[in-house]
Amino acid sequence: MQLALEALVSSATFVSVDTSTLSTEYQAIISLSQQVRSVAELSALLRMPLGVTRVLIADMAAEGLVQIHQPSLDAGTGKPDLNLLERVLSGLRRL
């Protein structure tokens, strides 16, 4: 699964998993994604390379630990909405 930089991630609140058995990275992602956050934002907060963060989140989604909300694409261009990208950029600058 190719996660977009601006894809939103949220913890799967219905999961009854003992988080103490999970890796520290998984625990951190679950904790941070109690609030909906973008993949880019999680990467910055975790101080992890974007590629590593994407892989971890994709693996967690496959295990049902997080939910991924991919951005909708513009029907004409097949690219993300410009307003969304500007909001993500603004959020990253605030970090």
C-alpha atoms as a PDB file:
ATOM      1  CA  MET A   1       0.000   0.000   0.000  1.00  0.00           C
ATOM      2  CA  GLN A   2       1.430   3.376  -1.009  1.00  0.00           C
ATOM      3  CA  LEU A   3       0.500   5.904   1.652  1.00  0.00           C
ATOM      4  CA  ALA A   4       0.159   9.490   0.574  1.00  0.00           C
ATOM      5  CA  LEU A   5       2.083  12.058   2.593  1.00  0.00           C
ATOM      6  CA  GLU A   6      -1.189  13.737   3.480  1.00  0.00           C
ATOM      7  CA  ALA A   7      -3.097  10.526   4.298  1.00  0.00           C
ATOM      8  CA  LEU A   8      -4.730  10.747   7.708  1.00  0.00           C
ATOM      9  CA  VAL A   9      -4.140   8.121  10.378  1.00  0.00           C
ATOM     10  CA  SER A  10      -6.260   7.402  13.451  1.00  0.00           C
ATOM     11  CA  SER A  11      -6.021   4.752  16.144  1.00  0.00           C
ATOM     12  CA  ALA A  12      -8.489   1.916  15.807  1.00  0.00           C
ATOM     13  CA  THR A  13     -10.296   2.483  19.104  1.00  0.00           C
ATOM     14  CA  PHE A  14     -12.235  -0.766  18.916  1.00  0.00           C
ATOM     15  CA  VAL A  15      -9.083  -2.900  19.009  1.00  0.00           C
ATOM     16  CA  SER A  16      -8.567  -4.811  22.233  1.00  0.00           C
ATOM     17  CA  VAL A  17      -4.850  -5.457  21.980  1.00  0.00           C
ATOM     18  CA  ASP A  18      -2.442  -5.344  24.884  1.00  0.00           C
ATOM     19  CA  THR A  19      -0.268  -2.492  23.651  1.00  0.00           C
ATOM     20  CA  SER A  20       2.520  -3.426  26.068  1.00  0.00           C
ATOM     21  CA  THR A  21       3.296  -6.362  23.763  1.00  0.00           C
ATOM     22  CA  LEU A  22       3.813  -4.020  20.795  1.00  0.00           C
ATOM     23  CA  SER A  23       7.072  -2.377  19.745  1.00  0.00           C
ATOM     24  CA  THR A  24       7.813   1.089  21.090  1.00  0.00           C
ATOM     25  CA  GLU A  25       7.288   2.516  17.586  1.00  0.00           C
ATOM     26  CA  TYR A  26       3.829   0.940  17.346  1.00  0.00           C
ATOM     27  CA  GLN A  27       2.956   2.210  20.818  1.00  0.00           C
ATOM     28  CA  ALA A  28       4.070   5.731  19.886  1.00  0.00           C
ATOM     29  CA  ILE A  29       2.050   5.728  16.660  1.00  0.00           C
ATOM     30  CA  ILE A  30      -1.061   4.482  18.473  1.00  0.00           C
ATOM     31  CA  SER A  31      -0.633   7.155  21.134  1.00  0.00           C
ATOM     32  CA  LEU A  32      -0.054   9.982  18.654  1.00  0.00           C
ATOM     33  CA  SER A  33      -2.890   8.897  16.386  1.00  0.00           C
ATOM     34  CA  GLN A  34      -5.490   9.199  19.143  1.00  0.00           C
ATOM     35  CA  GLN A  35      -5.872  12.534  17.363  1.00  0.00           C
ATOM     36  CA  VAL A  36      -6.179  12.208  13.601  1.00  0.00           C
ATOM     37  CA  ARG A  37      -2.812  13.108  12.093  1.00  0.00           C
ATOM     38  CA  SER A  38      -1.230  12.993   8.659  1.00  0.00           C
ATOM     39  CA  VAL A  39       1.513  10.511   7.788  1.00  0.00           C
ATOM     40  CA  ALA A  40       3.907  13.452   7.407  1.00  0.00           C
ATOM     41  CA  GLU A  41       2.993  14.815  10.817  1.00  0.00           C
ATOM     42  CA  LEU A  42       3.510  11.431  12.490  1.00  0.00           C
ATOM     43  CA  SER A  43       6.876  11.101  10.786  1.00  0.00           C
ATOM     44  CA  ALA A  44       7.957  14.517  12.078  1.00  0.00           C
ATOM     45  CA  LEU A  45       6.688  13.919  15.615  1.00  0.00           C
ATOM     46  CA  LEU A  46       8.386  10.517  15.779  1.00  0.00           C
ATOM     47  CA  ARG A  47      11.581  11.922  14.242  1.00  0.00           C
ATOM     48  CA  MET A  48      11.620   8.975  11.858  1.00  0.00           C
ATOM     49  CA  PRO A  49      12.259   8.957   8.122  1.00  0.00           C
ATOM     50  CA  LEU A  50       9.058   9.227   6.116  1.00  0.00           C
ATOM     51  CA  GLY A  51       9.659   5.884   4.376  1.00  0.00           C
ATOM     52  CA  VAL A  52      10.017   4.044   7.692  1.00  0.00           C
ATOM     53  CA  THR A  53       6.900   5.719   9.070  1.00  0.00           C
ATOM     54  CA  ARG A  54       4.910   4.760   5.969  1.00  0.00           C
ATOM     55  CA  VAL A  55       5.939   1.101   6.282  1.00  0.00           C
ATOM     56  CA  LEU A  56       5.094   0.967   9.993  1.00  0.00           C
ATOM     57  CA  ILE A  57       1.691   2.587   9.461  1.00  0.00           C
ATOM     58  CA  ALA A  58       0.861   0.292   6.530  1.00  0.00           C
ATOM     59  CA  ASP A  59       1.804  -2.754   8.630  1.00  0.00           C
ATOM     60  CA  MET A  60      -0.288  -1.474  11.529  1.00  0.00           C
ATOM     61  CA  ALA A  61      -3.261  -0.889   9.234  1.00  0.00           C
ATOM     62  CA  ALA A  62      -2.955  -4.468   7.959  1.00  0.00           C
ATOM     63  CA  GLU A  63      -3.068  -5.646  11.574  1.00  0.00           C
ATOM     64  CA  GLY A  64      -6.105  -3.459  12.298  1.00  0.00           C
ATOM     65  CA  LEU A  65      -4.290  -1.241  14.793  1.00  0.00           C
ATOM     66  CA  VAL A  66      -4.837   2.022  12.921  1.00  0.00           C
ATOM     67  CA  GLN A  67      -7.200   3.310  10.273  1.00  0.00           C
ATOM     68  CA  ILE A  68      -5.963   5.142   7.209  1.00  0.00           C
ATOM     69  CA  HIS A  69      -8.035   7.789   5.494  1.00  0.00           C
ATOM     70  CA  GLN A  70      -6.549   8.412   2.053  1.00  0.00           C
ATOM     71  CA  PRO A  71      -7.183  11.871   0.602  1.00  0.00           C
ATOM     72  CA  SER A  72      -9.618  12.192  -2.234  1.00  0.00           C
ATOM     73  CA  LEU A  73      -8.072  13.033  -5.552  1.00  0.00           C
ATOM     74  CA  ASP A  74      -9.203  15.646  -8.031  1.00  0.00           C
ATOM     75  CA  ALA A  75     -11.189  13.785 -10.690  1.00  0.00           C
ATOM     76  CA  GLY A  76      -9.680  15.803 -13.521  1.00  0.00           C
ATOM     77  CA  THR A  77      -6.003  15.636 -12.605  1.00  0.00           C
ATOM     78  CA  GLY A  78      -5.817  12.613 -10.286  1.00  0.00           C
ATOM     79  CA  LYS A  79      -3.818  14.724  -7.828  1.00  0.00           C
ATOM     80  CA  PRO A  80      -4.629  15.725  -4.239  1.00  0.00           C
ATOM     81  CA  ASP A  81      -6.647  18.873  -3.659  1.00  0.00           C
ATOM     82  CA  LEU A  82      -4.394  21.944  -3.547  1.00  0.00           C
ATOM     83  CA  ASN A  83      -6.115  23.310  -0.419  1.00  0.00           C
ATOM     84  CA  LEU A  84      -5.420  20.065   1.426  1.00  0.00           C
ATOM     85  CA  LEU A  85      -1.742  20.153   0.453  1.00  0.00           C
ATOM     86  CA  GLU A  86      -1.463  23.750   1.620  1.00  0.00           C
ATOM     87  CA  ARG A  87      -2.996  22.807   5.008  1.00  0.00           C
ATOM     88  CA  VAL A  88      -0.544  19.904   5.390  1.00  0.00           C
ATOM     89  CA  LEU A  89       2.377  22.188   4.502  1.00  0.00           C
ATOM     90  CA  SER A  90       1.186  24.786   6.979  1.00  0.00           C
ATOM     91  CA  GLY A  91       0.924  22.115   9.688  1.00  0.00           C
ATOM     92  CA  LEU A  92       4.433  20.890   8.977  1.00  0.00           C
ATOM     93  CA  ARG A  93       5.807  24.405   9.215  1.00  0.00           C
ATOM     94  CA  ARG A  94       4.234  24.776  12.664  1.00  0.00           C
ATOM     95  CA  LEU A  95       6.149  21.721  13.868  1.00  0.00           C
END
